[in-house]
Amino acid sequence: MSYYDPARMPSGAPEGSGSPTVAISVSPAVGVAGAPTPSRPSRAASADPARDLVARDLVMTYGRSAGASAGPPALGGVDLTIRAGESLAVMGPSGSGKTTLLHVLAGILRPTGGQVLWRGRDIARMSDRERTVLRREDFGFVFQQGMLLPELPAIENVALPLMLGGVRRSEAAARAATLFPPLGLSGLEKRRPGELSGGQAQRVAIARALVARPGVVFADEPTGALDQTTSAEVMHHLTQLAAHTGASLVVVTHDENVARWCHGVVRVRDGRIAPDADDAAHGDAQAEARVAAGRADAAPAAAR
């Protein structure tokens, strides 16, 4: 079996989506006149509770110094559970704390208080070196601008996490190459980022995020620099490939159309999580259940 096998692609993408190997025109083209918007995929039970990402009473305060009073917290006691294999959109106005939440969940920032539990360990208590290895081997990242290395061809950009982890160059390139066809990137392996369109570059970034088979992929405004049609294309590939590899997906976005590609939505307001109003309006308790699950996970720790 090849490293990427489209035949094993599970269901769960927005209704109307096809396999990533087919032209994107068969999937919902958000923003195109007369085209359907994606339907939010159903949320299944956790595939592996041991691989749930759990936040317990997260607090993050910036600007603390000796003799100075702390400002309002960027995160004010967040409880959240992201199930294994789940895709979750995090929304909120600028300054609400959503990007801070992503950075704390991903081990980029160490919280002022609380826990982030992954595979039975508290990320906040890991050493800097341990968190670096975690971000390289078990977490994947997609940023708004792609953040590809301009001097490297696409194939080497994708293979880079594997090579940094000690995989031989030839093997890393071979594994990276299997991700190009399903992402519609065949023939672009030797092009540098400056020779790619915005959508192509972002799909290369998706391949890089997934090449090491991470447990969680964090995407910070992955479509923020793209038009609506290209945004739909990118989200189609991102959600399909994350589902295929079994990775959880956390997407920070301002775009309601982007959020519809995910199993659920949580909204951050003033550093706290509130259930998604759109879910509640349709009688969908998914967001409430997710926040409640985080609080339930936090209860034993509080009791101790």
C-alpha atoms as a PDB file:
ATOM      1  CA  MET A   1       0.000   0.000   0.000  1.00  0.00           C
ATOM      2  CA  SER A   2       1.283   3.458  -0.802  1.00  0.00           C
ATOM      3  CA  TYR A   3       1.902   5.979   1.951  1.00  0.00           C
ATOM      4  CA  TYR A   4      -1.319   7.700   0.873  1.00  0.00           C
ATOM      5  CA  ASP A   5      -4.134   5.422  -0.253  1.00  0.00           C
ATOM      6  CA  PRO A   6      -7.227   7.298  -1.557  1.00  0.00           C
ATOM      7  CA  ALA A   7      -9.267   4.074  -1.394  1.00  0.00           C
ATOM      8  CA  ARG A   8      -9.111   4.258   2.401  1.00  0.00           C
ATOM      9  CA  MET A   9     -10.519   7.786   2.560  1.00  0.00           C
ATOM     10  CA  PRO A  10     -13.265   7.749   5.209  1.00  0.00           C
ATOM     11  CA  SER A  11     -16.566   9.536   4.994  1.00  0.00           C
ATOM     12  CA  GLY A  12     -17.213  12.708   6.977  1.00  0.00           C
ATOM     13  CA  ALA A  13     -16.275  15.518   4.591  1.00  0.00           C
ATOM     14  CA  PRO A  14     -18.933  18.089   3.718  1.00  0.00           C
ATOM     15  CA  GLU A  15     -21.723  16.642   1.621  1.00  0.00           C
ATOM     16  CA  GLY A  16     -20.895  16.638  -2.073  1.00  0.00           C
ATOM     17  CA  SER A  17     -17.129  16.302  -1.583  1.00  0.00           C
ATOM     18  CA  GLY A  18     -15.355  13.726  -3.705  1.00  0.00           C
ATOM     19  CA  SER A  19     -11.988  12.095  -3.383  1.00  0.00           C
ATOM     20  CA  PRO A  20      -9.091  14.597  -3.366  1.00  0.00           C
ATOM     21  CA  THR A  21      -7.777  12.983  -6.538  1.00  0.00           C
ATOM     22  CA  VAL A  22     -10.668  14.342  -8.614  1.00  0.00           C
ATOM     23  CA  ALA A  23     -11.127  17.880  -9.862  1.00  0.00           C
ATOM     24  CA  ILE A  24     -12.193  20.275  -7.147  1.00  0.00           C
ATOM     25  CA  SER A  25     -15.237  21.256  -9.220  1.00  0.00           C
ATOM     26  CA  VAL A  26     -17.047  18.201  -7.876  1.00  0.00           C
ATOM     27  CA  SER A  27     -16.869  19.535  -4.314  1.00  0.00           C
ATOM     28  CA  PRO A  28     -18.814  22.527  -2.958  1.00  0.00           C
ATOM     29  CA  ALA A  29     -17.256  25.703  -4.362  1.00  0.00           C
ATOM     30  CA  VAL A  30     -17.945  28.208  -1.645  1.00  0.00           C
ATOM     31  CA  GLY A  31     -18.544  31.695  -2.943  1.00  0.00           C
ATOM     32  CA  VAL A  32     -19.407  30.671  -6.492  1.00  0.00           C
ATOM     33  CA  ALA A  33     -22.847  31.839  -7.599  1.00  0.00           C
ATOM     34  CA  GLY A  34     -25.354  28.999  -7.502  1.00  0.00           C
ATOM     35  CA  ALA A  35     -22.941  26.543  -5.865  1.00  0.00           C
ATOM     36  CA  PRO A  36     -23.910  24.894  -2.565  1.00  0.00           C
ATOM     37  CA  THR A  37     -22.127  25.748   0.657  1.00  0.00           C
ATOM     38  CA  PRO A  38     -20.650  22.776   2.512  1.00  0.00           C
ATOM     39  CA  SER A  39     -22.823  20.925   5.015  1.00  0.00           C
ATOM     40  CA  ARG A  40     -21.219  20.464   8.419  1.00  0.00           C
ATOM     41  CA  PRO A  41     -20.104  16.812   8.706  1.00  0.00           C
ATOM     42  CA  SER A  42     -21.572  14.728  11.499  1.00  0.00           C
ATOM     43  CA  ARG A  43     -19.515  14.305  14.668  1.00  0.00           C
ATOM     44  CA  ALA A  44     -18.764  10.701  15.584  1.00  0.00           C
ATOM     45  CA  ALA A  45     -17.588   9.356  18.912  1.00  0.00           C
ATOM     46  CA  SER A  46     -13.890   9.658  19.636  1.00  0.00           C
ATOM     47  CA  ALA A  47     -11.916   7.129  17.600  1.00  0.00           C
ATOM     48  CA  ASP A  48      -9.329   6.854  20.380  1.00  0.00           C
ATOM     49  CA  PRO A  49      -9.986   8.692  23.671  1.00  0.00           C
ATOM     50  CA  ALA A  50      -6.299   8.354  24.561  1.00  0.00           C
ATOM     51  CA  ARG A  51      -5.589  10.703  21.634  1.00  0.00           C
ATOM     52  CA  ASP A  52      -8.117  13.361  22.673  1.00  0.00           C
ATOM     53  CA  LEU A  53      -6.561  16.795  23.224  1.00  0.00           C
ATOM     54  CA  VAL A  54      -7.886  18.131  26.525  1.00  0.00           C
ATOM     55  CA  ALA A  55      -7.585  21.655  27.940  1.00  0.00           C
ATOM     56  CA  ARG A  56      -8.268  22.068  31.645  1.00  0.00           C
ATOM     57  CA  ASP A  57      -8.865  25.501  33.167  1.00  0.00           C
ATOM     58  CA  LEU A  58      -6.411  27.226  30.818  1.00  0.00           C
ATOM     59  CA  VAL A  59      -5.311  30.689  31.874  1.00  0.00           C
ATOM     60  CA  MET A  60      -2.947  32.897  29.879  1.00  0.00           C
ATOM     61  CA  THR A  61      -1.925  36.347  31.029  1.00  0.00           C
ATOM     62  CA  TYR A  62       0.551  38.518  29.131  1.00  0.00           C
ATOM     63  CA  GLY A  63       2.730  41.333  30.438  1.00  0.00           C
ATOM     64  CA  ARG A  64       3.319  40.058  33.955  1.00  0.00           C
ATOM     65  CA  SER A  65       6.392  41.576  35.561  1.00  0.00           C
ATOM     66  CA  ALA A  66       7.713  42.187  39.061  1.00  0.00           C
ATOM     67  CA  GLY A  67       5.773  44.911  40.837  1.00  0.00           C
ATOM     68  CA  ALA A  68       3.282  45.300  37.989  1.00  0.00           C
ATOM     69  CA  SER A  69      -0.340  44.238  38.096  1.00  0.00           C
ATOM     70  CA  ALA A  70      -1.409  41.721  35.497  1.00  0.00           C
ATOM     71  CA  GLY A  71      -3.720  42.868  32.736  1.00  0.00           C
ATOM     72  CA  PRO A  72      -6.892  41.059  31.776  1.00  0.00           C
ATOM     73  CA  PRO A  73      -6.169  37.423  30.847  1.00  0.00           C
ATOM     74  CA  ALA A  74      -6.022  36.431  27.187  1.00  0.00           C
ATOM     75  CA  LEU A  75      -7.514  33.116  28.328  1.00  0.00           C
ATOM     76  CA  GLY A  76      -9.707  33.087  31.417  1.00  0.00           C
ATOM     77  CA  GLY A  77     -10.183  29.451  32.415  1.00  0.00           C
ATOM     78  CA  VAL A  78     -10.826  27.451  29.231  1.00  0.00           C
ATOM     79  CA  ASP A  79     -12.063  23.858  29.421  1.00  0.00           C
ATOM     80  CA  LEU A  80     -12.193  22.095  26.060  1.00  0.00           C
ATOM     81  CA  THR A  81     -11.944  18.580  24.645  1.00  0.00           C
ATOM     82  CA  ILE A  82     -11.012  17.958  21.005  1.00  0.00           C
ATOM     83  CA  ARG A  83     -11.738  14.353  20.157  1.00  0.00           C
ATOM     84  CA  ALA A  84      -9.383  12.151  18.156  1.00  0.00           C
ATOM     85  CA  GLY A  85     -10.170  12.556  14.475  1.00  0.00           C
ATOM     86  CA  GLU A  86     -12.430  15.574  15.030  1.00  0.00           C
ATOM     87  CA  SER A  87     -12.238  18.850  13.101  1.00  0.00           C
ATOM     88  CA  LEU A  88     -13.013  21.949  15.131  1.00  0.00           C
ATOM     89  CA  ALA A  89     -13.297  25.583  14.044  1.00  0.00           C
ATOM     90  CA  VAL A  90     -12.364  28.243  16.593  1.00  0.00           C
ATOM     91  CA  MET A  91     -13.985  31.595  15.864  1.00  0.00           C
ATOM     92  CA  GLY A  92     -14.157  34.984  17.530  1.00  0.00           C
ATOM     93  CA  PRO A  93     -13.402  38.667  16.971  1.00  0.00           C
ATOM     94  CA  SER A  94      -9.860  40.019  16.869  1.00  0.00           C
ATOM     95  CA  GLY A  95      -8.380  40.082  20.349  1.00  0.00           C
ATOM     96  CA  SER A  96     -10.787  37.469  21.698  1.00  0.00           C
ATOM     97  CA  GLY A  97      -8.008  34.980  22.499  1.00  0.00           C
ATOM     98  CA  LYS A  98      -8.585  32.404  19.767  1.00  0.00           C
ATOM     99  CA  THR A  99      -5.018  32.484  18.388  1.00  0.00           C
ATOM    100  CA  THR A 100      -3.626  32.425  21.923  1.00  0.00           C
ATOM    101  CA  LEU A 101      -5.742  29.332  22.556  1.00  0.00           C
ATOM    102  CA  LEU A 102      -4.350  27.645  19.454  1.00  0.00           C
ATOM    103  CA  HIS A 103      -0.771  28.486  20.446  1.00  0.00           C
ATOM    104  CA  VAL A 104      -1.265  27.126  23.961  1.00  0.00           C
ATOM    105  CA  LEU A 105      -2.938  23.936  22.722  1.00  0.00           C
ATOM    106  CA  ALA A 106      -0.069  23.437  20.266  1.00  0.00           C
ATOM    107  CA  GLY A 107       2.672  23.890  22.854  1.00  0.00           C
ATOM    108  CA  ILE A 108       3.977  27.086  21.261  1.00  0.00           C
ATOM    109  CA  LEU A 109       3.101  29.067  24.392  1.00  0.00           C
ATOM    110  CA  ARG A 110       3.230  27.824  27.964  1.00  0.00           C
ATOM    111  CA  PRO A 111       0.024  28.794  29.811  1.00  0.00           C
ATOM    112  CA  THR A 112       0.057  30.839  33.005  1.00  0.00           C
ATOM    113  CA  GLY A 113      -2.189  28.224  34.574  1.00  0.00           C
ATOM    114  CA  GLY A 114      -4.080  25.043  33.746  1.00  0.00           C
ATOM    115  CA  GLN A 115      -3.212  21.940  31.740  1.00  0.00           C
ATOM    116  CA  VAL A 116      -3.085  20.754  28.135  1.00  0.00           C
ATOM    117  CA  LEU A 117      -3.221  16.954  28.107  1.00  0.00           C
ATOM    118  CA  TRP A 118      -2.028  14.949  25.114  1.00  0.00           C
ATOM    119  CA  ARG A 119      -1.410  11.196  25.254  1.00  0.00           C
ATOM    120  CA  GLY A 120      -1.585  11.320  29.041  1.00  0.00           C
ATOM    121  CA  ARG A 121       1.005  14.076  29.441  1.00  0.00           C
ATOM    122  CA  ASP A 122       0.665  17.736  30.346  1.00  0.00           C
ATOM    123  CA  ILE A 123       2.242  19.707  27.506  1.00  0.00           C
ATOM    124  CA  ALA A 124       2.623  22.715  29.794  1.00  0.00           C
ATOM    125  CA  ARG A 125       5.033  20.727  31.991  1.00  0.00           C
ATOM    126  CA  MET A 126       7.208  19.496  29.150  1.00  0.00           C
ATOM    127  CA  SER A 127      10.668  20.921  28.664  1.00  0.00           C
ATOM    128  CA  ASP A 128      11.337  23.229  25.732  1.00  0.00           C
ATOM    129  CA  ARG A 129      13.132  20.395  23.943  1.00  0.00           C
ATOM    130  CA  GLU A 130      10.243  17.983  24.485  1.00  0.00           C
ATOM    131  CA  ARG A 131       7.755  20.500  23.141  1.00  0.00           C
ATOM    132  CA  THR A 132       9.973  21.106  20.102  1.00  0.00           C
ATOM    133  CA  VAL A 133       9.988  17.379  19.326  1.00  0.00           C
ATOM    134  CA  LEU A 134       6.231  17.237  19.907  1.00  0.00           C
ATOM    135  CA  ARG A 135       5.585  20.044  17.420  1.00  0.00           C
ATOM    136  CA  ARG A 136       7.849  18.429  14.850  1.00  0.00           C
ATOM    137  CA  GLU A 137       6.644  14.838  15.114  1.00  0.00           C
ATOM    138  CA  ASP A 138       3.120  14.765  16.543  1.00  0.00           C
ATOM    139  CA  PHE A 139       1.632  18.154  15.632  1.00  0.00           C
ATOM    140  CA  GLY A 140       1.303  19.700  12.176  1.00  0.00           C
ATOM    141  CA  PHE A 141       0.840  23.369  11.308  1.00  0.00           C
ATOM    142  CA  VAL A 142      -0.723  25.345   8.454  1.00  0.00           C
ATOM    143  CA  PHE A 143      -0.368  29.123   8.591  1.00  0.00           C
ATOM    144  CA  GLN A 144      -2.127  31.918   6.715  1.00  0.00           C
ATOM    145  CA  GLN A 145       0.849  32.649   4.478  1.00  0.00           C
ATOM    146  CA  GLY A 146       2.049  29.057   4.182  1.00  0.00           C
ATOM    147  CA  MET A 147       5.476  29.821   5.671  1.00  0.00           C
ATOM    148  CA  LEU A 148       7.284  27.726   3.052  1.00  0.00           C
ATOM    149  CA  LEU A 149      11.050  28.086   2.691  1.00  0.00           C
ATOM    150  CA  PRO A 150      11.533  30.065  -0.538  1.00  0.00           C
ATOM    151  CA  GLU A 151      14.877  28.487  -1.446  1.00  0.00           C
ATOM    152  CA  LEU A 152      13.564  24.901  -1.359  1.00  0.00           C
ATOM    153  CA  PRO A 153      11.457  23.190  -4.040  1.00  0.00           C
ATOM    154  CA  ALA A 154       7.992  22.038  -3.045  1.00  0.00           C
ATOM    155  CA  ILE A 155       9.011  18.405  -2.534  1.00  0.00           C
ATOM    156  CA  GLU A 156      11.750  19.375  -0.066  1.00  0.00           C
ATOM    157  CA  ASN A 157       9.453  21.767   1.786  1.00  0.00           C
ATOM    158  CA  VAL A 158       7.052  18.882   2.343  1.00  0.00           C
ATOM    159  CA  ALA A 159       9.805  16.413   3.269  1.00  0.00           C
ATOM    160  CA  LEU A 160      11.504  18.817   5.697  1.00  0.00           C
ATOM    161  CA  PRO A 161       9.735  17.678   8.929  1.00  0.00           C
ATOM    162  CA  LEU A 162      10.730  14.088   8.193  1.00  0.00           C
ATOM    163  CA  MET A 163      14.356  14.997   7.504  1.00  0.00           C
ATOM    164  CA  LEU A 164      14.523  17.065  10.689  1.00  0.00           C
ATOM    165  CA  GLY A 165      13.274  13.969  12.507  1.00  0.00           C
ATOM    166  CA  GLY A 166      16.137  11.867  11.142  1.00  0.00           C
ATOM    167  CA  VAL A 167      14.490  10.242   8.113  1.00  0.00           C
ATOM    168  CA  ARG A 168      16.858   9.777   5.176  1.00  0.00           C
ATOM    169  CA  ARG A 169      16.465  12.354   2.414  1.00  0.00           C
ATOM    170  CA  SER A 170      15.480   9.788  -0.237  1.00  0.00           C
ATOM    171  CA  GLU A 171      12.851   8.158   1.978  1.00  0.00           C
ATOM    172  CA  ALA A 172      11.498  11.522   3.133  1.00  0.00           C
ATOM    173  CA  ALA A 173      11.153  12.691  -0.468  1.00  0.00           C
ATOM    174  CA  ALA A 174       9.437   9.454  -1.472  1.00  0.00           C
ATOM    175  CA  ARG A 175       6.899   9.769   1.324  1.00  0.00           C
ATOM    176  CA  ALA A 176       6.350  13.440   0.542  1.00  0.00           C
ATOM    177  CA  ALA A 177       5.777  12.652  -3.136  1.00  0.00           C
ATOM    178  CA  THR A 178       2.767  10.430  -2.342  1.00  0.00           C
ATOM    179  CA  LEU A 179       0.876  13.492  -1.085  1.00  0.00           C
ATOM    180  CA  PHE A 180       1.209  15.489  -4.303  1.00  0.00           C
ATOM    181  CA  PRO A 181      -1.349  13.621  -6.490  1.00  0.00           C
ATOM    182  CA  PRO A 182      -4.252  13.700  -3.979  1.00  0.00           C
ATOM    183  CA  LEU A 183      -3.651  17.412  -3.466  1.00  0.00           C
ATOM    184  CA  GLY A 184      -3.724  18.150  -7.185  1.00  0.00           C
ATOM    185  CA  LEU A 185      -0.024  19.048  -7.185  1.00  0.00           C
ATOM    186  CA  SER A 186       1.381  16.457  -9.607  1.00  0.00           C
ATOM    187  CA  GLY A 187       4.173  17.934 -11.691  1.00  0.00           C
ATOM    188  CA  LEU A 188       4.860  20.767  -9.240  1.00  0.00           C
ATOM    189  CA  GLU A 189       7.323  18.905  -7.018  1.00  0.00           C
ATOM    190  CA  LYS A 190      10.375  20.860  -8.236  1.00  0.00           C
ATOM    191  CA  ARG A 191       8.781  24.301  -8.233  1.00  0.00           C
ATOM    192  CA  ARG A 192       9.813  26.779  -5.575  1.00  0.00           C
ATOM    193  CA  PRO A 193       7.170  28.687  -3.578  1.00  0.00           C
ATOM    194  CA  GLY A 194       7.589  31.788  -5.753  1.00  0.00           C
ATOM    195  CA  GLU A 195       6.572  29.725  -8.777  1.00  0.00           C
ATOM    196  CA  LEU A 196       3.305  28.541  -7.211  1.00  0.00           C
ATOM    197  CA  SER A 197      -0.108  30.202  -6.992  1.00  0.00           C
ATOM    198  CA  GLY A 198      -1.475  31.056  -3.550  1.00  0.00           C
ATOM    199  CA  GLY A 199      -3.727  27.999  -3.544  1.00  0.00           C
ATOM    200  CA  GLN A 200      -0.953  25.692  -4.719  1.00  0.00           C
ATOM    201  CA  ALA A 201       1.424  27.004  -2.058  1.00  0.00           C
ATOM    202  CA  GLN A 202      -1.179  26.451   0.653  1.00  0.00           C
ATOM    203  CA  ARG A 203      -1.757  22.877  -0.531  1.00  0.00           C
ATOM    204  CA  VAL A 204       2.009  22.302  -0.300  1.00  0.00           C
ATOM    205  CA  ALA A 205       1.786  23.617   3.278  1.00  0.00           C
ATOM    206  CA  ILE A 206      -1.021  21.122   3.959  1.00  0.00           C
ATOM    207  CA  ALA A 207       1.162  18.296   2.650  1.00  0.00           C
ATOM    208  CA  ARG A 208       4.015  19.435   4.904  1.00  0.00           C
ATOM    209  CA  ALA A 209       1.674  19.529   7.916  1.00  0.00           C
ATOM    210  CA  LEU A 210       0.480  15.967   7.297  1.00  0.00           C
ATOM    211  CA  VAL A 211       3.577  14.200   5.990  1.00  0.00           C
ATOM    212  CA  ALA A 212       4.698  12.989   9.427  1.00  0.00           C
ATOM    213  CA  ARG A 213       1.225  11.611  10.198  1.00  0.00           C
ATOM    214  CA  PRO A 214       0.615  13.956  13.155  1.00  0.00           C
ATOM    215  CA  GLY A 215      -2.050  13.411  15.784  1.00  0.00           C
ATOM    216  CA  VAL A 216      -3.290  17.001  15.536  1.00  0.00           C
ATOM    217  CA  VAL A 217      -3.083  19.634  12.795  1.00  0.00           C
ATOM    218  CA  PHE A 218      -3.380  23.290  13.801  1.00  0.00           C
ATOM    219  CA  ALA A 219      -4.410  25.726  11.059  1.00  0.00           C
ATOM    220  CA  ASP A 220      -4.293  29.456  11.836  1.00  0.00           C
ATOM    221  CA  GLU A 221      -6.427  31.340   9.275  1.00  0.00           C
ATOM    222  CA  PRO A 222      -5.344  28.890   6.518  1.00  0.00           C
ATOM    223  CA  THR A 223      -7.557  30.590   3.901  1.00  0.00           C
ATOM    224  CA  GLY A 224      -7.191  34.182   5.087  1.00  0.00           C
ATOM    225  CA  ALA A 225      -5.121  35.231   2.063  1.00  0.00           C
ATOM    226  CA  LEU A 226      -7.222  33.332  -0.516  1.00  0.00           C
ATOM    227  CA  ASP A 227     -10.354  34.070  -2.527  1.00  0.00           C
ATOM    228  CA  GLN A 228     -13.523  32.142  -1.705  1.00  0.00           C
ATOM    229  CA  THR A 229     -13.215  29.578  -4.500  1.00  0.00           C
ATOM    230  CA  THR A 230      -9.588  28.780  -3.664  1.00  0.00           C
ATOM    231  CA  SER A 231     -10.517  28.776   0.021  1.00  0.00           C
ATOM    232  CA  ALA A 232     -13.090  26.024  -0.626  1.00  0.00           C
ATOM    233  CA  GLU A 233     -10.486  24.027  -2.544  1.00  0.00           C
ATOM    234  CA  VAL A 234      -7.968  24.302   0.286  1.00  0.00           C
ATOM    235  CA  MET A 235     -10.491  23.366   2.989  1.00  0.00           C
ATOM    236  CA  HIS A 236     -11.677  20.410   0.907  1.00  0.00           C
ATOM    237  CA  HIS A 237      -8.152  19.006   0.754  1.00  0.00           C
ATOM    238  CA  LEU A 238      -7.286  19.868   4.361  1.00  0.00           C
ATOM    239  CA  THR A 239     -10.352  18.200   5.895  1.00  0.00           C
ATOM    240  CA  GLN A 240     -10.206  15.165   3.591  1.00  0.00           C
ATOM    241  CA  LEU A 241      -6.537  14.409   4.197  1.00  0.00           C
ATOM    242  CA  ALA A 242      -6.763  15.057   7.944  1.00  0.00           C
ATOM    243  CA  ALA A 243      -9.675  12.601   8.069  1.00  0.00           C
ATOM    244  CA  HIS A 244      -7.722  10.038   6.045  1.00  0.00           C
ATOM    245  CA  THR A 245      -4.731  10.144   8.386  1.00  0.00           C
ATOM    246  CA  GLY A 246      -6.924  10.181  11.505  1.00  0.00           C
ATOM    247  CA  ALA A 247      -5.583  13.548  12.641  1.00  0.00           C
ATOM    248  CA  SER A 248      -7.649  15.951  14.683  1.00  0.00           C
ATOM    249  CA  LEU A 249      -7.916  19.370  13.069  1.00  0.00           C
ATOM    250  CA  VAL A 250      -8.133  22.749  14.832  1.00  0.00           C
ATOM    251  CA  VAL A 251      -8.868  25.680  12.511  1.00  0.00           C
ATOM    252  CA  VAL A 252      -8.828  29.317  13.644  1.00  0.00           C
ATOM    253  CA  THR A 253     -10.909  31.357  11.208  1.00  0.00           C
ATOM    254  CA  HIS A 254     -13.084  34.454  10.785  1.00  0.00           C
ATOM    255  CA  ASP A 255     -14.940  32.855   7.861  1.00  0.00           C
ATOM    256  CA  GLU A 256     -18.273  31.131   8.537  1.00  0.00           C
ATOM    257  CA  ASN A 257     -17.945  29.209   5.245  1.00  0.00           C
ATOM    258  CA  VAL A 258     -14.604  27.793   6.382  1.00  0.00           C
ATOM    259  CA  ALA A 259     -16.104  26.819   9.745  1.00  0.00           C
ATOM    260  CA  ARG A 260     -18.833  24.791   7.990  1.00  0.00           C
ATOM    261  CA  TRP A 261     -16.197  22.327   6.780  1.00  0.00           C
ATOM    262  CA  CYS A 262     -15.531  21.296  10.400  1.00  0.00           C
ATOM    263  CA  HIS A 263     -17.447  18.911  12.650  1.00  0.00           C
ATOM    264  CA  GLY A 264     -18.100  21.684  15.142  1.00  0.00           C
ATOM    265  CA  VAL A 265     -17.465  25.291  16.124  1.00  0.00           C
ATOM    266  CA  VAL A 266     -16.523  26.976  19.377  1.00  0.00           C
ATOM    267  CA  ARG A 267     -16.482  30.722  19.758  1.00  0.00           C
ATOM    268  CA  VAL A 268     -14.016  32.593  21.936  1.00  0.00           C
ATOM    269  CA  ARG A 269     -15.215  35.755  23.643  1.00  0.00           C
ATOM    270  CA  ASP A 270     -13.021  37.657  26.082  1.00  0.00           C
ATOM    271  CA  GLY A 271     -10.784  34.652  26.604  1.00  0.00           C
ATOM    272  CA  ARG A 272     -13.592  32.206  27.298  1.00  0.00           C
ATOM    273  CA  ILE A 273     -15.398  29.543  25.265  1.00  0.00           C
ATOM    274  CA  ALA A 274     -19.104  29.898  24.481  1.00  0.00           C
ATOM    275  CA  PRO A 275     -21.288  27.357  22.595  1.00  0.00           C
ATOM    276  CA  ASP A 276     -21.752  28.105  18.901  1.00  0.00           C
ATOM    277  CA  ALA A 277     -24.944  30.109  18.398  1.00  0.00           C
ATOM    278  CA  ASP A 278     -25.544  28.581  14.973  1.00  0.00           C
ATOM    279  CA  ASP A 279     -25.404  25.077  16.436  1.00  0.00           C
ATOM    280  CA  ALA A 280     -27.787  26.049  19.232  1.00  0.00           C
ATOM    281  CA  ALA A 281     -30.231  27.617  16.784  1.00  0.00           C
ATOM    282  CA  HIS A 282     -30.493  24.277  14.979  1.00  0.00           C
ATOM    283  CA  GLY A 283     -30.862  22.255  18.179  1.00  0.00           C
ATOM    284  CA  ASP A 284     -27.327  20.921  17.810  1.00  0.00           C
ATOM    285  CA  ALA A 285     -25.708  20.328  21.215  1.00  0.00           C
ATOM    286  CA  GLN A 286     -22.281  19.447  19.822  1.00  0.00           C
ATOM    287  CA  ALA A 287     -20.523  22.618  20.912  1.00  0.00           C
ATOM    288  CA  GLU A 288     -22.144  22.546  24.359  1.00  0.00           C
ATOM    289  CA  ALA A 289     -21.160  18.902  24.746  1.00  0.00           C
ATOM    290  CA  ARG A 290     -17.580  19.645  23.754  1.00  0.00           C
ATOM    291  CA  VAL A 291     -17.241  22.435  26.324  1.00  0.00           C
ATOM    292  CA  ALA A 292     -19.017  20.306  28.946  1.00  0.00           C
ATOM    293  CA  ALA A 293     -16.640  17.441  28.210  1.00  0.00           C
ATOM    294  CA  GLY A 294     -13.727  19.741  28.901  1.00  0.00           C
ATOM    295  CA  ARG A 295     -15.297  20.816  32.179  1.00  0.00           C
ATOM    296  CA  ALA A 296     -15.976  17.206  33.151  1.00  0.00           C
ATOM    297  CA  ASP A 297     -12.352  16.330  32.410  1.00  0.00           C
ATOM    298  CA  ALA A 298     -11.286  19.275  34.551  1.00  0.00           C
ATOM    299  CA  ALA A 299     -13.439  18.270  37.550  1.00  0.00           C
ATOM    300  CA  PRO A 300     -11.223  15.421  38.846  1.00  0.00           C
ATOM    301  CA  ALA A 301      -8.191  17.701  38.771  1.00  0.00           C
ATOM    302  CA  ALA A 302     -10.071  20.381  40.706  1.00  0.00           C
ATOM    303  CA  ALA A 303     -11.179  17.805  43.284  1.00  0.00           C
ATOM    304  CA  ARG A 304      -7.577  16.826  43.900  1.00  0.00           C
END
